[in-house]
């Protein structure tokens, strides 16, 4: 065996030894890594990285449907409603996904409770600090549904969308005559004068009417103030058109309540332009329209 053959054989042996040692080191490091991932339920590849490659590296636009009467949480008498707890969950998920560059809220709702609206608005403000939100209005986006829409970066409505209805309402029933006619009477034991306020067993006192109106006024002022901030209008400008009436999308645009006229995919196109997405974005539907409003 000549000298060159001996040197080549020695080199191959060293390379083989290096490969074996490297494999042993990688295995030693991988075992605790995989064990940690299994115990803590953490993904081996960061979510943002895996999401990026699973979508072929394309940027995404999320669509979240807000359809039906808005309520804060599910209850036995809220069938067909949309729940702020769900909408907040979808917004948070889209916010945390770095491959999603913008969010389109498809709003088709007559309104809902102030609490539901406030919960959604709180998350809208947090999400807007990270990525833009564009609202696409369907048949209706009135009252509390307009309230949440006013906090987005931009609003797109159909020319015949019913929107606006800026205001607060609280309805009470007085069935005393009906109870009297049927021979039903009640005795109410209560700890305070206002404890049975709103019961249909009697009418409201003047003090109760004044107190209820103060609550309505407080909610109304908060509604108007937030619309003014969201739409870059003065409080006086908002109050001039905030008498509870609904407006068509065309009129709402003239009044400054919406920005553009169009449909869902017009809003998606605006979101794409706003975020300078090149090429065709991936549209991710975070939820589906509720059965109550999609019939």
C-alpha atoms as a PDB file:
ATOM      1  CA  UNK A   1       0.000   0.000   0.000  1.00  0.00           C
ATOM      2  CA  UNK A   2       1.520   3.338  -1.071  1.00  0.00           C
ATOM      3  CA  UNK A   3       1.734   6.497   1.036  1.00  0.00           C
ATOM      4  CA  UNK A   4      -1.193   8.269  -0.720  1.00  0.00           C
ATOM      5  CA  UNK A   5      -3.509   5.326  -0.134  1.00  0.00           C
ATOM      6  CA  UNK A   6      -2.591   5.265   3.559  1.00  0.00           C
ATOM      7  CA  UNK A   7      -3.280   9.025   3.920  1.00  0.00           C
ATOM      8  CA  UNK A   8      -6.638   8.766   2.116  1.00  0.00           C
ATOM      9  CA  UNK A   9      -7.696   5.841   4.316  1.00  0.00           C
ATOM     10  CA  UNK A  10      -6.709   7.799   7.432  1.00  0.00           C
ATOM     11  CA  UNK A  11      -8.714  10.838   6.251  1.00  0.00           C
ATOM     12  CA  UNK A  12     -11.824   8.728   5.606  1.00  0.00           C
ATOM     13  CA  UNK A  13     -11.504   7.244   9.069  1.00  0.00           C
ATOM     14  CA  UNK A  14     -11.305  10.678  10.652  1.00  0.00           C
ATOM     15  CA  UNK A  15     -14.323  11.924   8.663  1.00  0.00           C
ATOM     16  CA  UNK A  16     -16.335   8.864   9.699  1.00  0.00           C
ATOM     17  CA  UNK A  17     -15.398   9.438  13.326  1.00  0.00           C
ATOM     18  CA  UNK A  18     -16.429  13.111  13.082  1.00  0.00           C
ATOM     19  CA  UNK A  19     -19.808  12.178  11.581  1.00  0.00           C
ATOM     20  CA  UNK A  20     -20.445   9.624  14.322  1.00  0.00           C
ATOM     21  CA  UNK A  21     -19.469  12.096  17.041  1.00  0.00           C
ATOM     22  CA  UNK A  22     -21.709  14.796  15.509  1.00  0.00           C
ATOM     23  CA  UNK A  23     -24.641  12.385  15.370  1.00  0.00           C
ATOM     24  CA  UNK A  24     -24.108  11.479  19.026  1.00  0.00           C
ATOM     25  CA  UNK A  25     -24.004  15.166  20.057  1.00  0.00           C
ATOM     26  CA  UNK A  26     -27.183  15.967  18.077  1.00  0.00           C
ATOM     27  CA  UNK A  27     -28.960  12.961  19.593  1.00  0.00           C
ATOM     28  CA  UNK A  28     -27.881  13.995  23.083  1.00  0.00           C
ATOM     29  CA  UNK A  29     -29.250  17.510  22.539  1.00  0.00           C
ATOM     30  CA  UNK A  30     -32.425  16.353  20.792  1.00  0.00           C
ATOM     31  CA  UNK A  31     -33.612  14.018  23.559  1.00  0.00           C
ATOM     32  CA  UNK A  32     -34.112  16.726  26.248  1.00  0.00           C
ATOM     33  CA  UNK A  33     -35.455  19.135  23.595  1.00  0.00           C
ATOM     34  CA  UNK A  34     -38.151  16.722  22.431  1.00  0.00           C
ATOM     35  CA  UNK A  35     -38.883  15.728  26.032  1.00  0.00           C
ATOM     36  CA  UNK A  36     -39.375  19.395  27.007  1.00  0.00           C
ATOM     37  CA  UNK A  37     -41.626  19.998  24.005  1.00  0.00           C
ATOM     38  CA  UNK A  38     -43.741  16.971  24.886  1.00  0.00           C
ATOM     39  CA  UNK A  39     -44.073  17.874  28.573  1.00  0.00           C
ATOM     40  CA  UNK A  40     -44.832  21.573  28.014  1.00  0.00           C
ATOM     41  CA  UNK A  41     -46.957  20.963  24.885  1.00  0.00           C
ATOM     42  CA  UNK A  42     -44.905  23.550  22.992  1.00  0.00           C
ATOM     43  CA  UNK A  43     -44.561  23.265  19.196  1.00  0.00           C
ATOM     44  CA  UNK A  44     -41.145  22.189  17.965  1.00  0.00           C
ATOM     45  CA  UNK A  45     -41.282  24.830  15.246  1.00  0.00           C
ATOM     46  CA  UNK A  46     -42.471  28.343  16.160  1.00  0.00           C
ATOM     47  CA  UNK A  47     -46.101  28.875  15.154  1.00  0.00           C
ATOM     48  CA  UNK A  48     -45.300  31.894  13.006  1.00  0.00           C
ATOM     49  CA  UNK A  49     -42.673  29.924  11.070  1.00  0.00           C
ATOM     50  CA  UNK A  50     -44.883  26.880  10.530  1.00  0.00           C
ATOM     51  CA  UNK A  51     -47.836  29.057   9.503  1.00  0.00           C
ATOM     52  CA  UNK A  52     -45.655  30.929   7.027  1.00  0.00           C
ATOM     53  CA  UNK A  53     -44.449  27.767   5.278  1.00  0.00           C
ATOM     54  CA  UNK A  54     -47.854  26.021   5.457  1.00  0.00           C
ATOM     55  CA  UNK A  55     -49.342  28.887   3.437  1.00  0.00           C
ATOM     56  CA  UNK A  56     -46.521  28.734   0.922  1.00  0.00           C
ATOM     57  CA  UNK A  57     -44.986  31.888   2.377  1.00  0.00           C
ATOM     58  CA  UNK A  58     -47.951  34.014   1.250  1.00  0.00           C
ATOM     59  CA  UNK A  59     -49.348  36.854   3.319  1.00  0.00           C
ATOM     60  CA  UNK A  60     -52.862  36.353   4.656  1.00  0.00           C
ATOM     61  CA  UNK A  61     -55.959  38.439   5.330  1.00  0.00           C
ATOM     62  CA  UNK A  62     -58.350  37.193   8.010  1.00  0.00           C
ATOM     63  CA  UNK A  63     -62.136  37.502   7.723  1.00  0.00           C
ATOM     64  CA  UNK A  64     -64.196  37.428  10.924  1.00  0.00           C
ATOM     65  CA  UNK A  65     -68.011  37.367  10.731  1.00  0.00           C
ATOM     66  CA  UNK A  66     -69.994  39.394  13.277  1.00  0.00           C
ATOM     67  CA  UNK A  67     -73.533  38.307  12.449  1.00  0.00           C
ATOM     68  CA  UNK A  68     -76.641  38.362  14.621  1.00  0.00           C
ATOM     69  CA  UNK A  69     -77.645  40.091  17.836  1.00  0.00           C
ATOM     70  CA  UNK A  70     -74.519  40.719  19.896  1.00  0.00           C
ATOM     71  CA  UNK A  71     -74.358  39.261  23.409  1.00  0.00           C
ATOM     72  CA  UNK A  72     -71.412  38.833  25.742  1.00  0.00           C
ATOM     73  CA  UNK A  73     -71.705  35.072  26.309  1.00  0.00           C
ATOM     74  CA  UNK A  74     -73.862  32.092  25.405  1.00  0.00           C
ATOM     75  CA  UNK A  75     -77.051  31.628  27.399  1.00  0.00           C
ATOM     76  CA  UNK A  76     -80.251  29.631  27.084  1.00  0.00           C
ATOM     77  CA  UNK A  77     -82.143  32.582  25.589  1.00  0.00           C
ATOM     78  CA  UNK A  78     -79.450  33.901  23.211  1.00  0.00           C
ATOM     79  CA  UNK A  79     -79.908  31.478  20.314  1.00  0.00           C
ATOM     80  CA  UNK A  80     -78.911  33.021  16.994  1.00  0.00           C
ATOM     81  CA  UNK A  81     -76.709  35.618  18.659  1.00  0.00           C
ATOM     82  CA  UNK A  82     -73.080  36.398  18.077  1.00  0.00           C
ATOM     83  CA  UNK A  83     -70.969  36.361  21.217  1.00  0.00           C
ATOM     84  CA  UNK A  84     -68.316  38.925  22.031  1.00  0.00           C
ATOM     85  CA  UNK A  85     -66.302  36.220  23.792  1.00  0.00           C
ATOM     86  CA  UNK A  86     -66.013  34.386  20.442  1.00  0.00           C
ATOM     87  CA  UNK A  87     -65.223  37.516  18.413  1.00  0.00           C
ATOM     88  CA  UNK A  88     -62.506  38.514  20.880  1.00  0.00           C
ATOM     89  CA  UNK A  89     -61.040  35.003  20.623  1.00  0.00           C
ATOM     90  CA  UNK A  90     -60.902  35.200  16.810  1.00  0.00           C
ATOM     91  CA  UNK A  91     -59.399  38.697  16.914  1.00  0.00           C
ATOM     92  CA  UNK A  92     -56.709  37.590  19.337  1.00  0.00           C
ATOM     93  CA  UNK A  93     -55.873  34.556  17.212  1.00  0.00           C
ATOM     94  CA  UNK A  94     -55.573  36.691  14.072  1.00  0.00           C
ATOM     95  CA  UNK A  95     -53.525  39.279  15.954  1.00  0.00           C
ATOM     96  CA  UNK A  96     -51.004  36.694  17.136  1.00  0.00           C
ATOM     97  CA  UNK A  97     -50.591  35.147  13.665  1.00  0.00           C
ATOM     98  CA  UNK A  98     -47.709  37.082  12.096  1.00  0.00           C
ATOM     99  CA  UNK A  99     -48.603  35.815   8.613  1.00  0.00           C
ATOM    100  CA  UNK A 100     -51.982  37.620   8.836  1.00  0.00           C
ATOM    101  CA  UNK A 101     -51.364  41.191   7.737  1.00  0.00           C
ATOM    102  CA  UNK A 102     -54.889  42.629   8.091  1.00  0.00           C
ATOM    103  CA  UNK A 103     -58.334  41.710   9.401  1.00  0.00           C
ATOM    104  CA  UNK A 104     -61.717  42.261   7.776  1.00  0.00           C
ATOM    105  CA  UNK A 105     -64.723  42.275  10.100  1.00  0.00           C
ATOM    106  CA  UNK A 106     -67.848  41.322   8.163  1.00  0.00           C
ATOM    107  CA  UNK A 107     -70.557  42.997  10.260  1.00  0.00           C
ATOM    108  CA  UNK A 108     -74.203  42.071   9.741  1.00  0.00           C
ATOM    109  CA  UNK A 109     -75.997  42.852  12.987  1.00  0.00           C
ATOM    110  CA  UNK A 110     -78.862  44.980  14.336  1.00  0.00           C
ATOM    111  CA  UNK A 111     -76.842  45.708  17.480  1.00  0.00           C
ATOM    112  CA  UNK A 112     -76.690  44.182  20.925  1.00  0.00           C
ATOM    113  CA  UNK A 113     -75.727  44.819  24.520  1.00  0.00           C
ATOM    114  CA  UNK A 114     -73.327  47.603  25.541  1.00  0.00           C
ATOM    115  CA  UNK A 115     -71.152  45.058  27.357  1.00  0.00           C
ATOM    116  CA  UNK A 116     -70.730  42.926  24.229  1.00  0.00           C
ATOM    117  CA  UNK A 117     -69.817  46.002  22.190  1.00  0.00           C
ATOM    118  CA  UNK A 118     -67.327  47.269  24.779  1.00  0.00           C
ATOM    119  CA  UNK A 119     -65.579  43.892  24.962  1.00  0.00           C
ATOM    120  CA  UNK A 120     -65.146  43.744  21.181  1.00  0.00           C
ATOM    121  CA  UNK A 121     -64.026  47.377  21.032  1.00  0.00           C
ATOM    122  CA  UNK A 122     -61.387  46.784  23.698  1.00  0.00           C
ATOM    123  CA  UNK A 123     -59.834  44.020  21.576  1.00  0.00           C
ATOM    124  CA  UNK A 124     -60.174  46.072  18.375  1.00  0.00           C
ATOM    125  CA  UNK A 125     -58.024  48.780  19.952  1.00  0.00           C
ATOM    126  CA  UNK A 126     -55.385  46.231  20.965  1.00  0.00           C
ATOM    127  CA  UNK A 127     -55.370  44.616  17.535  1.00  0.00           C
ATOM    128  CA  UNK A 128     -55.198  47.951  15.702  1.00  0.00           C
ATOM    129  CA  UNK A 129     -51.912  48.618  17.459  1.00  0.00           C
ATOM    130  CA  UNK A 130     -50.498  45.597  15.604  1.00  0.00           C
ATOM    131  CA  UNK A 131     -52.351  45.414  12.275  1.00  0.00           C
ATOM    132  CA  UNK A 132     -55.235  47.215  10.509  1.00  0.00           C
ATOM    133  CA  UNK A 133     -58.912  46.280  10.787  1.00  0.00           C
ATOM    134  CA  UNK A 134     -61.345  47.026   7.967  1.00  0.00           C
ATOM    135  CA  UNK A 135     -65.104  46.660   8.433  1.00  0.00           C
ATOM    136  CA  UNK A 136     -67.317  45.339   5.638  1.00  0.00           C
ATOM    137  CA  UNK A 137     -70.988  46.007   6.390  1.00  0.00           C
ATOM    138  CA  UNK A 138     -73.665  43.599   5.190  1.00  0.00           C
ATOM    139  CA  UNK A 139     -77.436  44.135   5.281  1.00  0.00           C
ATOM    140  CA  UNK A 140     -77.283  45.944   8.611  1.00  0.00           C
ATOM    141  CA  UNK A 141     -74.711  47.353  11.004  1.00  0.00           C
ATOM    142  CA  UNK A 142     -76.799  49.422  13.398  1.00  0.00           C
ATOM    143  CA  UNK A 143     -76.623  50.643  16.989  1.00  0.00           C
ATOM    144  CA  UNK A 144     -73.975  48.610  18.889  1.00  0.00           C
ATOM    145  CA  UNK A 145     -72.905  47.032  15.572  1.00  0.00           C
ATOM    146  CA  UNK A 146     -72.107  50.507  14.257  1.00  0.00           C
ATOM    147  CA  UNK A 147     -70.435  51.263  17.571  1.00  0.00           C
ATOM    148  CA  UNK A 148     -67.833  48.508  17.084  1.00  0.00           C
ATOM    149  CA  UNK A 149     -67.480  49.357  13.375  1.00  0.00           C
ATOM    150  CA  UNK A 150     -66.619  52.968  14.163  1.00  0.00           C
ATOM    151  CA  UNK A 151     -63.435  51.824  15.914  1.00  0.00           C
ATOM    152  CA  UNK A 152     -61.928  50.163  12.825  1.00  0.00           C
ATOM    153  CA  UNK A 153     -59.331  51.762  10.563  1.00  0.00           C
ATOM    154  CA  UNK A 154     -61.802  51.986   7.704  1.00  0.00           C
ATOM    155  CA  UNK A 155     -65.467  51.135   6.996  1.00  0.00           C
ATOM    156  CA  UNK A 156     -66.878  49.819   3.712  1.00  0.00           C
ATOM    157  CA  UNK A 157     -70.687  49.639   3.382  1.00  0.00           C
ATOM    158  CA  UNK A 158     -73.054  48.571   0.638  1.00  0.00           C
ATOM    159  CA  UNK A 159     -75.065  51.524  -0.753  1.00  0.00           C
ATOM    160  CA  UNK A 160     -78.220  49.978   0.768  1.00  0.00           C
ATOM    161  CA  UNK A 161     -76.757  48.837   4.083  1.00  0.00           C
ATOM    162  CA  UNK A 162     -78.787  50.022   7.069  1.00  0.00           C
ATOM    163  CA  UNK A 163     -76.348  51.559   9.527  1.00  0.00           C
ATOM    164  CA  UNK A 164     -76.123  54.257  12.158  1.00  0.00           C
ATOM    165  CA  UNK A 165     -78.941  54.109  14.735  1.00  0.00           C
ATOM    166  CA  UNK A 166     -76.562  55.735  17.208  1.00  0.00           C
ATOM    167  CA  UNK A 167     -78.312  55.660  20.550  1.00  0.00           C
ATOM    168  CA  UNK A 168     -79.351  53.582  23.554  1.00  0.00           C
ATOM    169  CA  UNK A 169     -82.754  52.116  24.394  1.00  0.00           C
ATOM    170  CA  UNK A 170     -84.195  50.339  27.437  1.00  0.00           C
ATOM    171  CA  UNK A 171     -87.807  49.135  27.364  1.00  0.00           C
ATOM    172  CA  UNK A 172     -90.057  48.399  30.350  1.00  0.00           C
ATOM    173  CA  UNK A 173     -93.471  46.758  30.535  1.00  0.00           C
ATOM    174  CA  UNK A 174     -96.321  47.529  32.939  1.00  0.00           C
ATOM    175  CA  UNK A 175     -98.821  44.675  33.106  1.00  0.00           C
ATOM    176  CA  UNK A 176    -100.728  45.771  36.200  1.00  0.00           C
ATOM    177  CA  UNK A 177    -104.039  46.110  34.326  1.00  0.00           C
ATOM    178  CA  UNK A 178    -103.623  42.623  32.847  1.00  0.00           C
ATOM    179  CA  UNK A 179    -102.868  41.167  36.270  1.00  0.00           C
ATOM    180  CA  UNK A 180    -105.799  43.021  37.851  1.00  0.00           C
ATOM    181  CA  UNK A 181    -108.200  41.818  35.160  1.00  0.00           C
ATOM    182  CA  UNK A 182    -107.080  38.227  35.740  1.00  0.00           C
ATOM    183  CA  UNK A 183    -107.395  38.582  39.498  1.00  0.00           C
ATOM    184  CA  UNK A 184    -103.674  38.225  40.202  1.00  0.00           C
ATOM    185  CA  UNK A 185    -102.137  40.381  42.927  1.00  0.00           C
ATOM    186  CA  UNK A 186     -98.577  40.551  44.308  1.00  0.00           C
ATOM    187  CA  UNK A 187     -96.879  41.461  47.523  1.00  0.00           C
ATOM    188  CA  UNK A 188     -93.202  42.403  47.072  1.00  0.00           C
ATOM    189  CA  UNK A 189     -90.824  42.405  50.024  1.00  0.00           C
ATOM    190  CA  UNK A 190     -87.676  44.361  49.154  1.00  0.00           C
ATOM    191  CA  UNK A 191     -84.603  45.807  50.839  1.00  0.00           C
ATOM    192  CA  UNK A 192     -84.645  49.096  48.963  1.00  0.00           C
ATOM    193  CA  UNK A 193     -86.975  51.342  46.993  1.00  0.00           C
ATOM    194  CA  UNK A 194     -85.285  50.515  43.671  1.00  0.00           C
ATOM    195  CA  UNK A 195     -84.899  46.747  44.174  1.00  0.00           C
ATOM    196  CA  UNK A 196     -87.935  45.792  42.024  1.00  0.00           C
ATOM    197  CA  UNK A 197     -87.477  48.627  39.545  1.00  0.00           C
ATOM    198  CA  UNK A 198     -88.522  47.471  36.096  1.00  0.00           C
ATOM    199  CA  UNK A 199     -90.815  44.715  37.276  1.00  0.00           C
ATOM    200  CA  UNK A 200     -93.879  44.406  35.037  1.00  0.00           C
ATOM    201  CA  UNK A 201     -95.998  44.079  38.179  1.00  0.00           C
ATOM    202  CA  UNK A 202     -96.124  47.863  38.561  1.00  0.00           C
ATOM    203  CA  UNK A 203     -95.262  51.064  36.740  1.00  0.00           C
ATOM    204  CA  UNK A 204     -92.135  53.152  37.280  1.00  0.00           C
ATOM    205  CA  UNK A 205     -92.049  55.957  39.813  1.00  0.00           C
ATOM    206  CA  UNK A 206     -90.789  59.405  38.806  1.00  0.00           C
ATOM    207  CA  UNK A 207     -87.535  58.808  40.701  1.00  0.00           C
ATOM    208  CA  UNK A 208     -87.032  55.507  38.907  1.00  0.00           C
ATOM    209  CA  UNK A 209     -87.672  57.105  35.519  1.00  0.00           C
ATOM    210  CA  UNK A 210     -85.090  59.780  36.284  1.00  0.00           C
ATOM    211  CA  UNK A 211     -82.556  57.189  37.416  1.00  0.00           C
ATOM    212  CA  UNK A 212     -83.079  55.019  34.334  1.00  0.00           C
ATOM    213  CA  UNK A 213     -82.717  58.033  32.077  1.00  0.00           C
ATOM    214  CA  UNK A 214     -79.404  58.890  33.771  1.00  0.00           C
ATOM    215  CA  UNK A 215     -78.098  55.405  32.927  1.00  0.00           C
ATOM    216  CA  UNK A 216     -79.242  55.769  29.308  1.00  0.00           C
ATOM    217  CA  UNK A 217     -77.593  59.196  29.086  1.00  0.00           C
ATOM    218  CA  UNK A 218     -74.312  57.843  30.458  1.00  0.00           C
ATOM    219  CA  UNK A 219     -74.204  55.025  27.883  1.00  0.00           C
ATOM    220  CA  UNK A 220     -75.220  57.415  25.113  1.00  0.00           C
ATOM    221  CA  UNK A 221     -72.445  59.884  25.934  1.00  0.00           C
ATOM    222  CA  UNK A 222     -69.864  57.081  25.911  1.00  0.00           C
ATOM    223  CA  UNK A 223     -71.251  55.867  22.569  1.00  0.00           C
ATOM    224  CA  UNK A 224     -71.060  59.334  21.027  1.00  0.00           C
ATOM    225  CA  UNK A 225     -67.592  60.093  22.411  1.00  0.00           C
ATOM    226  CA  UNK A 226     -66.126  56.865  21.016  1.00  0.00           C
ATOM    227  CA  UNK A 227     -67.758  57.338  17.612  1.00  0.00           C
ATOM    228  CA  UNK A 228     -66.353  60.874  17.488  1.00  0.00           C
ATOM    229  CA  UNK A 229     -62.846  59.588  18.243  1.00  0.00           C
ATOM    230  CA  UNK A 230     -63.100  56.615  15.889  1.00  0.00           C
ATOM    231  CA  UNK A 231     -64.488  58.635  12.987  1.00  0.00           C
ATOM    232  CA  UNK A 232     -62.365  61.747  13.596  1.00  0.00           C
ATOM    233  CA  UNK A 233     -65.478  63.882  14.094  1.00  0.00           C
ATOM    234  CA  UNK A 234     -66.448  66.352  16.768  1.00  0.00           C
ATOM    235  CA  UNK A 235     -68.920  65.338  19.473  1.00  0.00           C
ATOM    236  CA  UNK A 236     -71.334  67.980  18.165  1.00  0.00           C
ATOM    237  CA  UNK A 237     -71.111  66.536  14.641  1.00  0.00           C
ATOM    238  CA  UNK A 238     -71.962  63.076  15.930  1.00  0.00           C
ATOM    239  CA  UNK A 239     -74.794  64.277  18.175  1.00  0.00           C
ATOM    240  CA  UNK A 240     -76.370  66.109  15.234  1.00  0.00           C
ATOM    241  CA  UNK A 241     -76.974  62.741  13.527  1.00  0.00           C
ATOM    242  CA  UNK A 242     -77.164  60.484  16.613  1.00  0.00           C
ATOM    243  CA  UNK A 243     -80.916  60.591  17.196  1.00  0.00           C
ATOM    244  CA  UNK A 244     -81.448  56.859  16.729  1.00  0.00           C
ATOM    245  CA  UNK A 245     -82.310  56.891  13.040  1.00  0.00           C
ATOM    246  CA  UNK A 246     -80.754  54.462  10.562  1.00  0.00           C
ATOM    247  CA  UNK A 247     -79.063  55.603   7.352  1.00  0.00           C
ATOM    248  CA  UNK A 248     -78.363  53.873   4.083  1.00  0.00           C
ATOM    249  CA  UNK A 249     -74.732  53.237   3.266  1.00  0.00           C
ATOM    250  CA  UNK A 250     -74.844  56.017   0.674  1.00  0.00           C
ATOM    251  CA  UNK A 251     -76.147  58.583   3.162  1.00  0.00           C
ATOM    252  CA  UNK A 252     -73.794  57.312   5.868  1.00  0.00           C
ATOM    253  CA  UNK A 253     -70.849  57.977   3.558  1.00  0.00           C
ATOM    254  CA  UNK A 254     -72.068  61.534   2.964  1.00  0.00           C
ATOM    255  CA  UNK A 255     -72.334  62.037   6.733  1.00  0.00           C
ATOM    256  CA  UNK A 256     -68.857  60.660   7.391  1.00  0.00           C
ATOM    257  CA  UNK A 257     -70.031  57.524   9.175  1.00  0.00           C
ATOM    258  CA  UNK A 258     -68.441  55.204   6.565  1.00  0.00           C
ATOM    259  CA  UNK A 259     -65.501  55.619   4.197  1.00  0.00           C
ATOM    260  CA  UNK A 260     -66.270  53.689   1.012  1.00  0.00           C
ATOM    261  CA  UNK A 261     -69.066  51.842  -0.735  1.00  0.00           C
ATOM    262  CA  UNK A 262     -68.659  48.218  -1.761  1.00  0.00           C
ATOM    263  CA  UNK A 263     -68.863  44.601  -0.687  1.00  0.00           C
ATOM    264  CA  UNK A 264     -66.764  42.123   1.224  1.00  0.00           C
ATOM    265  CA  UNK A 265     -64.154  41.619  -1.471  1.00  0.00           C
ATOM    266  CA  UNK A 266     -63.817  45.357  -1.968  1.00  0.00           C
ATOM    267  CA  UNK A 267     -62.920  45.541   1.721  1.00  0.00           C
ATOM    268  CA  UNK A 268     -60.433  42.696   1.274  1.00  0.00           C
ATOM    269  CA  UNK A 269     -58.858  44.524  -1.670  1.00  0.00           C
ATOM    270  CA  UNK A 270     -58.554  47.675   0.442  1.00  0.00           C
ATOM    271  CA  UNK A 271     -56.916  45.629   3.211  1.00  0.00           C
ATOM    272  CA  UNK A 272     -54.436  44.243   0.683  1.00  0.00           C
ATOM    273  CA  UNK A 273     -53.547  47.708  -0.605  1.00  0.00           C
ATOM    274  CA  UNK A 274     -53.342  49.127   2.903  1.00  0.00           C
ATOM    275  CA  UNK A 275     -50.767  46.514   3.919  1.00  0.00           C
ATOM    276  CA  UNK A 276     -48.896  46.547   0.558  1.00  0.00           C
ATOM    277  CA  UNK A 277     -49.330  42.812   0.056  1.00  0.00           C
ATOM    278  CA  UNK A 278     -47.757  41.732  -3.231  1.00  0.00           C
ATOM    279  CA  UNK A 279     -49.541  39.115  -5.279  1.00  0.00           C
ATOM    280  CA  UNK A 280     -52.718  37.327  -4.291  1.00  0.00           C
ATOM    281  CA  UNK A 281     -53.194  37.053  -0.518  1.00  0.00           C
ATOM    282  CA  UNK A 282     -54.542  33.955   1.218  1.00  0.00           C
ATOM    283  CA  UNK A 283     -58.007  34.642   2.646  1.00  0.00           C
ATOM    284  CA  UNK A 284     -58.468  32.958   6.022  1.00  0.00           C
ATOM    285  CA  UNK A 285     -62.046  32.684   7.311  1.00  0.00           C
ATOM    286  CA  UNK A 286     -61.760  32.563  11.103  1.00  0.00           C
ATOM    287  CA  UNK A 287     -65.431  31.599  11.538  1.00  0.00           C
ATOM    288  CA  UNK A 288     -68.624  31.113   9.544  1.00  0.00           C
ATOM    289  CA  UNK A 289     -71.805  33.241   9.375  1.00  0.00           C
ATOM    290  CA  UNK A 290     -74.291  32.230  12.055  1.00  0.00           C
ATOM    291  CA  UNK A 291     -77.153  29.967  10.971  1.00  0.00           C
ATOM    292  CA  UNK A 292     -79.694  32.532  12.133  1.00  0.00           C
ATOM    293  CA  UNK A 293     -78.514  35.150   9.655  1.00  0.00           C
ATOM    294  CA  UNK A 294     -77.430  32.971   6.741  1.00  0.00           C
ATOM    295  CA  UNK A 295     -80.818  31.447   5.913  1.00  0.00           C
END
